[in-house]
């Protein structure tokens, strides 16, 4: 599918909301200033305006694989990262110690970058973007040896009438958001290894978390 970015993004600063400031989130955030500078260099009117949110505080274990140090233990991750970036780059990006559910309705966001690691958190993002006018939702995820990203346009009031709307992760992989009696269901597949004719069959294993 050929996709043309929404023209609004070329007319003013791009308002980005990064949800989650752990391993993936902190890595993404550290690269956004370079994208901001590149946009300005190519004549974009404003580059990026970024807000970071995360309800977690820096813990001792975060200081092993995430870019936090022991002197930051007990402080809000999102605020620590935003403050660090602003000091180095001279920006005025925002950090919020909160969840996406706590953002007020009507918050002006163009692009949500989801860097969360639970189905419950992804479901919260999905619910929020559907009730907003967010243009794009980029979902990131990884395990020990691989990772993936899905870029979509939420089926909300801003995108609903678009003829070639990019589906979101919730639409492409709805089982990742499935619930059973209040629990989120993870669908895993185990390949059958009987005869060759059955080599492509899959047996679903449901795990409740």
N, C-alpha and C. Protein backbone atom coordinates (compact mmCIF):
# COMPACT_ATOMS: atom_id res chain seq x y z
N UNK A 1 0.84 -1.19 0.00
CA UNK A 1 0.00 0.00 0.00
C UNK A 1 0.88 1.26 0.00
N UNK A 2 0.60 2.17 -0.92
CA UNK A 2 1.30 3.44 -0.95
C UNK A 2 0.63 4.38 0.03
N UNK A 3 1.43 5.02 0.87
CA UNK A 3 0.87 5.90 1.89
C UNK A 3 1.50 7.29 1.80
N UNK A 4 0.65 8.30 1.80
CA UNK A 4 1.12 9.69 1.80
C UNK A 4 0.85 10.27 3.19
N UNK A 5 1.89 10.78 3.86
CA UNK A 5 1.69 11.32 5.23
C UNK A 5 0.63 12.42 5.24
N UNK A 6 -0.06 12.52 6.36
CA UNK A 6 -1.07 13.55 6.51
C UNK A 6 -0.44 14.92 6.31
N UNK A 7 -0.99 15.76 5.44
CA UNK A 7 -0.38 17.08 5.13
C UNK A 7 -0.26 18.00 6.33
N UNK A 8 -1.07 17.77 7.38
CA UNK A 8 -0.95 18.61 8.58
C UNK A 8 0.45 18.56 9.18
N UNK A 9 1.10 17.42 9.02
CA UNK A 9 2.41 17.22 9.64
C UNK A 9 3.50 18.04 8.98
N UNK A 10 3.19 18.62 7.83
CA UNK A 10 4.17 19.44 7.12
C UNK A 10 3.93 20.93 7.33
N UNK A 11 2.91 21.26 8.11
CA UNK A 11 2.51 22.65 8.24
C UNK A 11 2.80 23.26 9.60
N UNK A 12 3.16 22.45 10.59
CA UNK A 12 3.36 22.94 11.96
C UNK A 12 4.19 21.91 12.72
N UNK A 13 4.61 22.24 13.95
CA UNK A 13 5.34 21.24 14.75
C UNK A 13 4.52 19.96 14.91
N UNK A 14 5.20 18.83 14.84
CA UNK A 14 4.56 17.53 14.98
C UNK A 14 4.50 17.17 16.46
N UNK A 15 3.30 16.97 16.97
CA UNK A 15 3.10 16.74 18.40
C UNK A 15 3.14 15.24 18.68
N UNK A 16 4.20 14.82 19.36
CA UNK A 16 4.44 13.40 19.60
C UNK A 16 4.24 13.08 21.08
N UNK A 17 3.57 11.98 21.34
CA UNK A 17 3.39 11.47 22.69
C UNK A 17 4.07 10.11 22.78
N UNK A 18 5.11 10.00 23.60
CA UNK A 18 5.80 8.73 23.82
C UNK A 18 5.24 8.11 25.10
N UNK A 19 4.65 6.93 24.96
CA UNK A 19 4.04 6.25 26.10
C UNK A 19 4.96 5.11 26.55
N UNK A 20 5.59 5.30 27.69
CA UNK A 20 6.52 4.31 28.20
C UNK A 20 7.96 4.77 28.03
N UNK A 21 8.70 4.84 29.13
CA UNK A 21 10.07 5.36 29.09
C UNK A 21 11.06 4.35 29.66
N UNK A 22 10.81 3.06 29.41
CA UNK A 22 11.72 2.02 29.85
C UNK A 22 12.78 1.73 28.81
N UNK A 23 13.00 0.44 28.51
CA UNK A 23 14.05 0.07 27.56
C UNK A 23 13.81 0.63 26.17
N UNK A 24 12.66 0.31 25.57
CA UNK A 24 12.34 0.81 24.23
C UNK A 24 12.10 2.31 24.23
N UNK A 25 11.31 2.78 25.19
CA UNK A 25 10.95 4.19 25.21
C UNK A 25 12.15 5.10 25.35
N UNK A 26 13.06 4.77 26.24
CA UNK A 26 14.24 5.62 26.44
C UNK A 26 15.13 5.61 25.21
N UNK A 27 15.20 4.48 24.49
CA UNK A 27 16.00 4.41 23.27
C UNK A 27 15.38 5.27 22.17
N UNK A 28 14.06 5.19 22.04
CA UNK A 28 13.36 6.00 21.03
C UNK A 28 13.53 7.49 21.34
N UNK A 29 13.33 7.84 22.59
CA UNK A 29 13.41 9.24 23.00
C UNK A 29 14.80 9.82 22.72
N UNK A 30 15.84 9.03 22.93
CA UNK A 30 17.20 9.54 22.71
C UNK A 30 17.47 9.81 21.24
N UNK A 31 16.70 9.19 20.34
CA UNK A 31 16.89 9.42 18.91
C UNK A 31 16.02 10.52 18.34
N UNK A 32 14.96 10.89 19.03
CA UNK A 32 14.05 11.91 18.49
C UNK A 32 14.69 13.28 18.29
N UNK A 33 15.64 13.72 19.14
CA UNK A 33 16.27 15.02 18.88
C UNK A 33 16.97 15.08 17.53
N UNK A 34 17.53 13.97 17.08
CA UNK A 34 18.19 13.96 15.77
C UNK A 34 17.17 14.11 14.65
N UNK A 35 16.02 13.47 14.81
CA UNK A 35 14.95 13.64 13.82
C UNK A 35 14.45 15.07 13.83
N UNK A 36 14.32 15.66 15.00
CA UNK A 36 13.90 17.05 15.13
C UNK A 36 14.86 17.98 14.38
N UNK A 37 16.16 17.78 14.61
CA UNK A 37 17.16 18.63 13.96
C UNK A 37 17.15 18.44 12.45
N UNK A 38 16.96 17.20 12.00
CA UNK A 38 16.93 16.94 10.56
C UNK A 38 15.73 17.60 9.91
N UNK A 39 14.58 17.54 10.57
CA UNK A 39 13.38 18.19 10.03
C UNK A 39 13.59 19.69 9.87
N UNK A 40 14.19 20.32 10.87
CA UNK A 40 14.45 21.76 10.79
C UNK A 40 15.44 22.07 9.68
N UNK A 41 16.45 21.23 9.52
CA UNK A 41 17.46 21.45 8.49
C UNK A 41 16.85 21.40 7.09
N UNK A 42 15.80 20.59 6.93
CA UNK A 42 15.14 20.48 5.63
C UNK A 42 13.97 21.44 5.49
N UNK A 43 13.85 22.39 6.42
CA UNK A 43 12.86 23.45 6.27
C UNK A 43 11.51 23.20 6.90
N UNK A 44 11.40 22.18 7.75
CA UNK A 44 10.12 21.93 8.41
C UNK A 44 9.81 23.04 9.40
N UNK A 45 8.55 23.50 9.45
CA UNK A 45 8.20 24.62 10.33
C UNK A 45 7.96 24.21 11.79
N UNK A 46 9.02 23.84 12.48
CA UNK A 46 8.85 23.56 13.91
C UNK A 46 9.40 22.24 14.41
N UNK A 47 9.66 21.29 13.51
CA UNK A 47 10.20 20.02 13.96
C UNK A 47 9.24 19.26 14.86
N UNK A 48 9.75 18.75 15.98
CA UNK A 48 8.96 17.93 16.88
C UNK A 48 8.66 18.64 18.19
N UNK A 49 7.47 18.42 18.71
CA UNK A 49 7.10 18.84 20.06
C UNK A 49 6.73 17.57 20.81
N UNK A 50 7.55 17.17 21.79
CA UNK A 50 7.44 15.83 22.37
C UNK A 50 7.01 15.88 23.83
N UNK A 51 6.10 14.98 24.18
CA UNK A 51 5.70 14.75 25.56
C UNK A 51 5.96 13.29 25.90
N UNK A 52 6.57 13.04 27.05
CA UNK A 52 6.85 11.69 27.51
C UNK A 52 5.95 11.39 28.71
N UNK A 53 5.36 10.19 28.74
CA UNK A 53 4.58 9.81 29.92
C UNK A 53 4.95 8.40 30.35
N UNK A 54 4.98 8.21 31.65
CA UNK A 54 5.25 6.89 32.23
C UNK A 54 4.87 6.97 33.70
N UNK A 55 4.14 5.99 34.22
CA UNK A 55 3.75 6.05 35.63
C UNK A 55 4.81 5.52 36.59
N UNK A 56 5.92 5.00 36.04
CA UNK A 56 6.93 4.33 36.87
C UNK A 56 8.01 5.27 37.37
N UNK A 57 8.58 4.91 38.50
CA UNK A 57 9.75 5.57 39.04
C UNK A 57 10.99 4.75 38.71
N UNK A 58 12.14 5.40 38.67
CA UNK A 58 13.40 4.70 38.42
C UNK A 58 13.69 3.78 39.61
N UNK A 59 13.97 2.52 39.31
CA UNK A 59 14.32 1.55 40.35
C UNK A 59 15.78 1.13 40.19
N UNK A 60 16.27 0.39 41.16
CA UNK A 60 17.66 -0.05 41.11
C UNK A 60 17.91 -0.96 39.91
N UNK A 61 16.95 -1.83 39.61
CA UNK A 61 17.13 -2.73 38.47
C UNK A 61 17.12 -1.99 37.14
N UNK A 62 16.43 -0.84 37.07
CA UNK A 62 16.43 -0.04 35.83
C UNK A 62 17.81 0.47 35.48
N UNK A 63 18.68 0.56 36.45
CA UNK A 63 20.02 1.12 36.23
C UNK A 63 20.96 0.12 35.55
N UNK A 64 20.46 -1.08 35.24
CA UNK A 64 21.29 -2.09 34.59
C UNK A 64 21.18 -2.00 33.07
N UNK A 65 19.93 -2.04 32.54
CA UNK A 65 19.75 -2.07 31.09
C UNK A 65 19.04 -0.85 30.53
N UNK A 66 18.69 0.07 31.37
CA UNK A 66 18.06 1.31 30.93
C UNK A 66 18.97 2.48 31.28
N UNK A 67 18.86 3.60 30.56
CA UNK A 67 19.80 4.71 30.74
C UNK A 67 19.51 5.58 31.97
N UNK A 68 19.50 4.92 33.12
CA UNK A 68 19.31 5.64 34.38
C UNK A 68 20.46 5.29 35.32
N UNK A 69 20.74 6.18 36.25
CA UNK A 69 21.83 5.94 37.20
C UNK A 69 21.27 5.91 38.62
N UNK A 70 22.10 5.49 39.55
CA UNK A 70 21.64 5.29 40.93
C UNK A 70 21.16 6.59 41.58
N UNK A 71 21.71 7.71 41.18
CA UNK A 71 21.28 8.99 41.77
C UNK A 71 19.88 9.38 41.33
N UNK A 72 19.35 8.68 40.31
CA UNK A 72 18.00 8.98 39.82
C UNK A 72 16.94 8.02 40.37
N UNK A 73 17.34 7.07 41.19
CA UNK A 73 16.40 6.11 41.77
C UNK A 73 15.34 6.86 42.60
N UNK A 74 14.08 6.51 42.34
CA UNK A 74 12.98 7.14 43.06
C UNK A 74 12.36 8.31 42.33
N UNK A 75 12.98 8.77 41.24
CA UNK A 75 12.42 9.87 40.46
C UNK A 75 11.61 9.31 39.28
N UNK A 76 10.68 10.11 38.77
CA UNK A 76 9.82 9.68 37.67
C UNK A 76 10.63 9.54 36.38
N UNK A 77 10.51 8.39 35.73
CA UNK A 77 11.28 8.11 34.51
C UNK A 77 11.06 9.18 33.44
N UNK A 78 9.81 9.50 33.17
CA UNK A 78 9.50 10.43 32.08
C UNK A 78 10.09 11.81 32.35
N UNK A 79 10.02 12.25 33.59
CA UNK A 79 10.53 13.57 33.94
C UNK A 79 12.05 13.60 33.89
N UNK A 80 12.69 12.52 34.36
CA UNK A 80 14.15 12.42 34.30
C UNK A 80 14.64 12.51 32.86
N UNK A 81 14.02 11.73 31.95
CA UNK A 81 14.45 11.73 30.56
C UNK A 81 14.21 13.07 29.88
N UNK A 82 13.03 13.65 30.11
CA UNK A 82 12.73 14.95 29.50
C UNK A 82 13.69 16.02 29.99
N UNK A 83 13.97 16.03 31.28
CA UNK A 83 14.89 17.02 31.84
C UNK A 83 16.29 16.86 31.25
N UNK A 84 16.73 15.62 31.11
CA UNK A 84 18.06 15.36 30.56
C UNK A 84 18.18 15.84 29.12
N UNK A 85 17.16 15.54 28.32
CA UNK A 85 17.17 15.96 26.92
C UNK A 85 17.11 17.48 26.79
N UNK A 86 16.28 18.09 27.61
CA UNK A 86 16.16 19.55 27.54
C UNK A 86 17.46 20.24 27.92
N UNK A 87 18.16 19.72 28.92
CA UNK A 87 19.43 20.31 29.33
C UNK A 87 20.47 20.22 28.22
N UNK A 88 20.54 19.08 27.57
CA UNK A 88 21.56 18.87 26.54
C UNK A 88 21.25 19.60 25.24
N UNK A 89 19.98 19.51 24.80
CA UNK A 89 19.61 20.04 23.50
C UNK A 89 19.01 21.44 23.55
N UNK A 90 18.65 21.91 24.71
CA UNK A 90 18.03 23.22 24.79
C UNK A 90 16.57 23.22 24.37
N UNK A 91 15.90 22.08 24.54
CA UNK A 91 14.49 21.96 24.15
C UNK A 91 13.59 22.33 25.33
N UNK A 92 12.29 22.25 25.05
CA UNK A 92 11.28 22.45 26.09
C UNK A 92 10.27 21.30 26.03
N UNK A 93 10.79 20.07 25.90
CA UNK A 93 9.91 18.91 25.86
C UNK A 93 9.38 18.63 27.26
N UNK A 94 8.24 17.93 27.31
CA UNK A 94 7.55 17.72 28.58
C UNK A 94 7.65 16.27 29.05
N UNK A 95 7.77 16.08 30.35
CA UNK A 95 7.72 14.75 30.95
C UNK A 95 6.60 14.71 31.97
N UNK A 96 5.80 13.64 31.95
CA UNK A 96 4.65 13.54 32.85
C UNK A 96 4.67 12.20 33.56
N UNK A 97 4.54 12.25 34.89
CA UNK A 97 4.48 11.03 35.69
C UNK A 97 3.02 10.60 35.77
N UNK A 98 2.57 9.90 34.72
CA UNK A 98 1.16 9.53 34.64
C UNK A 98 0.97 8.41 33.63
N UNK A 99 -0.26 7.90 33.58
CA UNK A 99 -0.64 6.93 32.56
C UNK A 99 -1.39 7.65 31.44
N UNK A 100 -1.56 6.97 30.32
CA UNK A 100 -2.27 7.61 29.22
C UNK A 100 -3.74 7.84 29.57
N UNK A 101 -4.29 7.01 30.46
CA UNK A 101 -5.69 7.21 30.86
C UNK A 101 -5.88 8.52 31.61
N UNK A 102 -4.80 9.03 32.21
CA UNK A 102 -4.89 10.25 33.01
C UNK A 102 -4.76 11.52 32.17
N UNK A 103 -4.42 11.37 30.89
CA UNK A 103 -4.35 12.55 30.03
C UNK A 103 -5.76 13.08 29.79
N UNK A 104 -5.89 14.37 29.82
CA UNK A 104 -7.22 14.95 29.65
C UNK A 104 -7.73 14.75 28.23
N UNK A 105 -9.03 14.63 28.11
CA UNK A 105 -9.64 14.48 26.80
C UNK A 105 -9.39 15.73 25.96
N UNK A 106 -9.14 15.51 24.69
CA UNK A 106 -8.89 16.63 23.80
C UNK A 106 -7.43 17.04 23.75
N UNK A 107 -6.54 16.26 24.40
CA UNK A 107 -5.11 16.58 24.33
C UNK A 107 -4.67 16.56 22.86
N UNK A 108 -3.92 17.56 22.48
CA UNK A 108 -3.53 17.71 21.07
C UNK A 108 -2.28 16.87 20.80
N UNK A 109 -2.49 15.74 20.15
CA UNK A 109 -1.42 14.81 19.82
C UNK A 109 -1.60 14.35 18.38
N UNK A 110 -0.50 14.36 17.62
CA UNK A 110 -0.54 13.87 16.24
C UNK A 110 -0.09 12.43 16.14
N UNK A 111 0.89 12.08 16.95
CA UNK A 111 1.60 10.82 16.77
C UNK A 111 1.87 10.19 18.13
N UNK A 112 1.29 9.02 18.37
CA UNK A 112 1.56 8.28 19.60
C UNK A 112 2.57 7.19 19.31
N UNK A 113 3.63 7.13 20.12
CA UNK A 113 4.61 6.05 20.02
C UNK A 113 4.46 5.20 21.28
N UNK A 114 3.94 3.99 21.12
CA UNK A 114 3.73 3.11 22.25
C UNK A 114 4.93 2.23 22.51
N UNK A 115 5.53 2.39 23.68
CA UNK A 115 6.70 1.60 24.08
C UNK A 115 6.38 0.86 25.36
N UNK A 116 5.35 0.04 25.32
CA UNK A 116 4.88 -0.65 26.51
C UNK A 116 5.05 -2.16 26.32
N UNK A 117 4.99 -2.90 27.42
CA UNK A 117 5.29 -4.33 27.34
C UNK A 117 4.20 -5.23 27.90
N UNK A 118 2.98 -4.71 28.01
CA UNK A 118 1.87 -5.54 28.46
C UNK A 118 0.66 -5.33 27.56
N UNK A 119 -0.20 -6.33 27.49
CA UNK A 119 -1.42 -6.20 26.69
C UNK A 119 -2.35 -5.17 27.31
N UNK A 120 -2.36 -5.10 28.63
CA UNK A 120 -3.22 -4.13 29.31
C UNK A 120 -2.83 -2.71 28.92
N UNK A 121 -1.53 -2.42 28.84
CA UNK A 121 -1.07 -1.08 28.47
C UNK A 121 -1.40 -0.78 27.01
N UNK A 122 -1.25 -1.78 26.14
CA UNK A 122 -1.59 -1.56 24.73
C UNK A 122 -3.10 -1.32 24.58
N UNK A 123 -3.88 -2.04 25.35
CA UNK A 123 -5.33 -1.83 25.29
C UNK A 123 -5.69 -0.42 25.72
N UNK A 124 -5.00 0.10 26.73
CA UNK A 124 -5.25 1.46 27.19
C UNK A 124 -4.91 2.47 26.11
N UNK A 125 -3.81 2.24 25.40
CA UNK A 125 -3.44 3.14 24.30
C UNK A 125 -4.49 3.08 23.20
N UNK A 126 -4.91 1.88 22.86
CA UNK A 126 -5.92 1.71 21.81
C UNK A 126 -7.20 2.46 22.15
N UNK A 127 -7.64 2.32 23.37
CA UNK A 127 -8.87 3.00 23.79
C UNK A 127 -8.70 4.51 23.73
N UNK A 128 -7.53 5.00 24.12
CA UNK A 128 -7.29 6.45 24.15
C UNK A 128 -7.22 7.03 22.74
N UNK A 129 -6.49 6.37 21.84
CA UNK A 129 -6.35 6.93 20.49
C UNK A 129 -7.67 6.90 19.73
N UNK A 130 -8.53 5.92 20.01
CA UNK A 130 -9.82 5.86 19.33
C UNK A 130 -10.73 7.01 19.76
N UNK A 131 -10.52 7.52 20.96
CA UNK A 131 -11.34 8.64 21.43
C UNK A 131 -10.69 9.99 21.22
N UNK A 132 -9.57 10.01 20.50
CA UNK A 132 -8.84 11.24 20.27
C UNK A 132 -8.84 11.58 18.78
N UNK A 133 -8.02 12.56 18.40
CA UNK A 133 -7.82 12.88 17.00
C UNK A 133 -6.37 12.60 16.59
N UNK A 134 -5.78 11.60 17.21
CA UNK A 134 -4.42 11.17 16.87
C UNK A 134 -4.38 10.70 15.42
N UNK A 135 -3.37 11.13 14.69
CA UNK A 135 -3.25 10.75 13.28
C UNK A 135 -2.58 9.39 13.11
N UNK A 136 -1.56 9.10 13.94
CA UNK A 136 -0.80 7.85 13.81
C UNK A 136 -0.51 7.25 15.17
N UNK A 137 -0.44 5.92 15.18
CA UNK A 137 -0.01 5.18 16.37
C UNK A 137 1.07 4.20 15.94
N UNK A 138 2.27 4.39 16.47
CA UNK A 138 3.39 3.48 16.21
C UNK A 138 3.58 2.62 17.44
N UNK A 139 3.39 1.31 17.29
CA UNK A 139 3.56 0.39 18.41
C UNK A 139 4.88 -0.35 18.26
N UNK A 140 5.67 -0.39 19.33
CA UNK A 140 6.96 -1.06 19.33
C UNK A 140 6.95 -2.20 20.33
N UNK A 141 7.71 -3.24 20.05
CA UNK A 141 7.84 -4.35 20.98
C UNK A 141 9.06 -5.17 20.66
N UNK A 142 9.51 -5.93 21.62
CA UNK A 142 10.67 -6.80 21.39
C UNK A 142 10.72 -7.92 22.41
N UNK A 143 11.50 -8.94 22.06
CA UNK A 143 11.86 -9.96 23.03
C UNK A 143 13.38 -10.02 23.09
N UNK A 144 13.94 -11.11 23.57
CA UNK A 144 15.39 -11.17 23.77
C UNK A 144 16.18 -11.14 22.47
N UNK A 145 15.58 -11.60 21.36
CA UNK A 145 16.35 -11.73 20.13
C UNK A 145 15.72 -11.05 18.91
N UNK A 146 14.57 -10.45 19.06
CA UNK A 146 13.93 -9.82 17.90
C UNK A 146 13.00 -8.71 18.36
N UNK A 147 12.49 -7.98 17.39
CA UNK A 147 11.56 -6.90 17.70
C UNK A 147 10.67 -6.61 16.52
N UNK A 148 9.68 -5.74 16.71
CA UNK A 148 8.77 -5.41 15.62
C UNK A 148 8.17 -4.03 15.87
N UNK A 149 7.63 -3.47 14.80
CA UNK A 149 6.88 -2.22 14.94
C UNK A 149 5.68 -2.28 14.00
N UNK A 150 4.61 -1.63 14.39
CA UNK A 150 3.41 -1.53 13.56
C UNK A 150 2.96 -0.08 13.56
N UNK A 151 2.91 0.51 12.38
CA UNK A 151 2.44 1.89 12.22
C UNK A 151 1.02 1.86 11.69
N UNK A 152 0.10 2.51 12.39
CA UNK A 152 -1.29 2.53 11.95
C UNK A 152 -1.94 3.87 12.19
N UNK A 153 -3.12 4.02 11.61
CA UNK A 153 -3.94 5.22 11.79
C UNK A 153 -5.22 4.82 12.51
N UNK A 154 -5.37 5.21 13.77
CA UNK A 154 -6.55 4.79 14.54
C UNK A 154 -7.85 5.17 13.83
N UNK A 155 -8.84 4.32 13.97
CA UNK A 155 -10.14 4.56 13.34
C UNK A 155 -10.95 5.54 14.20
N UNK A 156 -10.44 6.77 14.26
CA UNK A 156 -11.10 7.81 15.07
C UNK A 156 -11.65 8.90 14.15
N UNK A 157 -12.10 9.98 14.75
CA UNK A 157 -12.74 11.04 13.96
C UNK A 157 -11.80 11.72 12.98
N UNK A 158 -10.49 11.66 13.24
CA UNK A 158 -9.53 12.29 12.34
C UNK A 158 -9.22 11.42 11.12
N UNK A 159 -9.39 10.10 11.25
CA UNK A 159 -8.96 9.19 10.18
C UNK A 159 -10.09 8.39 9.55
N UNK A 160 -11.25 8.43 10.14
CA UNK A 160 -12.33 7.50 9.76
C UNK A 160 -12.71 7.58 8.29
N UNK A 161 -12.63 8.75 7.71
CA UNK A 161 -13.09 8.93 6.33
C UNK A 161 -11.97 8.72 5.30
N UNK A 162 -10.79 8.40 5.75
CA UNK A 162 -9.69 8.20 4.81
C UNK A 162 -9.84 6.87 4.08
N UNK A 163 -9.64 6.90 2.77
CA UNK A 163 -9.89 5.72 1.94
C UNK A 163 -8.85 4.63 2.17
N UNK A 164 -7.60 5.00 2.36
CA UNK A 164 -6.54 4.01 2.54
C UNK A 164 -5.90 4.19 3.91
N UNK A 165 -6.70 3.97 4.94
CA UNK A 165 -6.21 4.11 6.30
C UNK A 165 -5.35 2.92 6.69
N UNK A 166 -4.19 3.19 7.32
CA UNK A 166 -3.32 2.12 7.79
C UNK A 166 -3.92 1.48 9.04
N UNK A 167 -4.13 0.17 9.06
CA UNK A 167 -4.69 -0.47 10.25
C UNK A 167 -3.70 -0.45 11.41
N UNK A 168 -4.22 -0.38 12.61
CA UNK A 168 -3.37 -0.36 13.80
C UNK A 168 -3.06 -1.79 14.24
N UNK A 169 -2.18 -1.90 15.23
CA UNK A 169 -1.85 -3.22 15.76
C UNK A 169 -3.08 -3.90 16.35
N UNK A 170 -4.00 -3.13 16.90
CA UNK A 170 -5.21 -3.71 17.48
C UNK A 170 -6.09 -4.33 16.40
N UNK A 171 -6.03 -3.80 15.19
CA UNK A 171 -6.82 -4.33 14.09
C UNK A 171 -6.12 -5.48 13.39
N UNK A 172 -4.81 -5.40 13.29
CA UNK A 172 -4.05 -6.45 12.63
C UNK A 172 -3.92 -7.69 13.49
N UNK A 173 -3.76 -7.48 14.79
CA UNK A 173 -3.55 -8.60 15.72
C UNK A 173 -4.53 -8.49 16.90
N UNK A 174 -5.82 -8.65 16.64
CA UNK A 174 -6.82 -8.45 17.70
C UNK A 174 -6.67 -9.42 18.86
N UNK A 175 -6.11 -10.60 18.63
CA UNK A 175 -5.96 -11.56 19.72
C UNK A 175 -4.98 -11.07 20.78
N UNK A 176 -4.11 -10.14 20.40
CA UNK A 176 -3.19 -9.56 21.38
C UNK A 176 -3.94 -8.71 22.40
N UNK A 177 -5.17 -8.37 22.08
CA UNK A 177 -5.96 -7.50 22.95
C UNK A 177 -7.16 -8.24 23.55
N UNK A 178 -7.21 -9.54 23.32
CA UNK A 178 -8.37 -10.31 23.76
C UNK A 178 -8.43 -10.42 25.28
N UNK A 179 -9.64 -10.48 25.79
CA UNK A 179 -9.86 -10.64 27.23
C UNK A 179 -10.81 -11.82 27.47
N UNK A 180 -10.65 -12.46 28.59
CA UNK A 180 -11.54 -13.55 28.99
C UNK A 180 -11.80 -13.42 30.48
N UNK A 181 -13.03 -13.09 30.83
CA UNK A 181 -13.42 -12.92 32.22
C UNK A 181 -12.53 -11.91 32.95
N UNK A 182 -12.23 -10.82 32.24
CA UNK A 182 -11.46 -9.75 32.86
C UNK A 182 -9.96 -9.92 32.76
N UNK A 183 -9.49 -11.05 32.21
CA UNK A 183 -8.05 -11.27 32.06
C UNK A 183 -7.66 -11.08 30.61
N UNK A 184 -6.45 -10.59 30.38
CA UNK A 184 -5.95 -10.47 29.03
C UNK A 184 -5.39 -11.80 28.59
N UNK A 185 -5.68 -12.17 27.35
CA UNK A 185 -5.31 -13.48 26.85
C UNK A 185 -4.17 -13.35 25.85
N UNK A 186 -3.10 -14.09 26.09
CA UNK A 186 -1.99 -14.13 25.14
C UNK A 186 -2.14 -15.39 24.30
N UNK A 187 -2.17 -15.24 23.01
CA UNK A 187 -2.31 -16.39 22.13
C UNK A 187 -0.93 -16.79 21.62
N UNK A 188 -0.52 -17.99 21.94
CA UNK A 188 0.74 -18.51 21.45
C UNK A 188 0.46 -19.70 20.55
N UNK A 189 1.36 -19.94 19.60
CA UNK A 189 1.14 -21.05 18.67
C UNK A 189 2.23 -22.11 18.83
N UNK A 190 1.82 -23.35 18.82
CA UNK A 190 2.75 -24.47 18.82
C UNK A 190 2.55 -25.22 17.52
N UNK A 191 3.58 -25.33 16.71
CA UNK A 191 3.46 -26.00 15.42
C UNK A 191 3.37 -27.51 15.62
N UNK A 192 2.41 -28.13 14.92
CA UNK A 192 2.29 -29.59 14.94
C UNK A 192 3.40 -30.19 14.10
N UNK A 193 4.02 -31.22 14.56
CA UNK A 193 5.13 -31.81 13.84
C UNK A 193 4.86 -33.27 13.49
N UNK A 194 3.60 -33.57 13.15
CA UNK A 194 3.24 -34.92 12.76
C UNK A 194 3.70 -35.23 11.35
N UNK A 195 2.77 -35.40 10.46
CA UNK A 195 3.12 -35.66 9.06
C UNK A 195 3.38 -34.37 8.33
N UNK A 196 3.96 -34.49 7.15
CA UNK A 196 4.26 -33.31 6.35
C UNK A 196 2.99 -32.55 5.98
N UNK A 197 1.90 -33.28 5.78
CA UNK A 197 0.65 -32.64 5.39
C UNK A 197 0.08 -31.77 6.49
N UNK A 198 0.53 -32.01 7.73
CA UNK A 198 0.04 -31.24 8.86
C UNK A 198 1.08 -30.28 9.41
N UNK A 199 2.16 -30.10 8.67
CA UNK A 199 3.28 -29.30 9.18
C UNK A 199 2.93 -27.84 9.36
N UNK A 200 1.87 -27.39 8.65
CA UNK A 200 1.51 -25.98 8.75
C UNK A 200 0.38 -25.73 9.74
N UNK A 201 -0.12 -26.78 10.37
CA UNK A 201 -1.20 -26.60 11.30
C UNK A 201 -0.67 -25.99 12.60
N UNK A 202 -1.50 -25.24 13.26
CA UNK A 202 -1.12 -24.59 14.50
C UNK A 202 -2.14 -24.89 15.58
N UNK A 203 -1.65 -25.16 16.77
CA UNK A 203 -2.53 -25.40 17.90
C UNK A 203 -2.42 -24.22 18.86
N UNK A 204 -3.50 -23.49 19.10
CA UNK A 204 -3.42 -22.31 19.96
C UNK A 204 -3.31 -22.70 21.44
N UNK A 205 -2.43 -22.01 22.12
CA UNK A 205 -2.29 -22.17 23.56
C UNK A 205 -2.64 -20.84 24.21
N UNK A 206 -3.63 -20.83 25.08
CA UNK A 206 -4.06 -19.59 25.70
C UNK A 206 -3.41 -19.45 27.07
N UNK A 207 -2.81 -18.32 27.30
CA UNK A 207 -2.15 -18.04 28.57
C UNK A 207 -2.82 -16.83 29.20
N UNK A 208 -3.31 -16.95 30.42
CA UNK A 208 -4.01 -15.85 31.08
C UNK A 208 -3.06 -15.10 31.99
N UNK A 209 -2.99 -13.79 31.81
CA UNK A 209 -2.09 -12.96 32.65
C UNK A 209 -2.82 -11.73 33.12
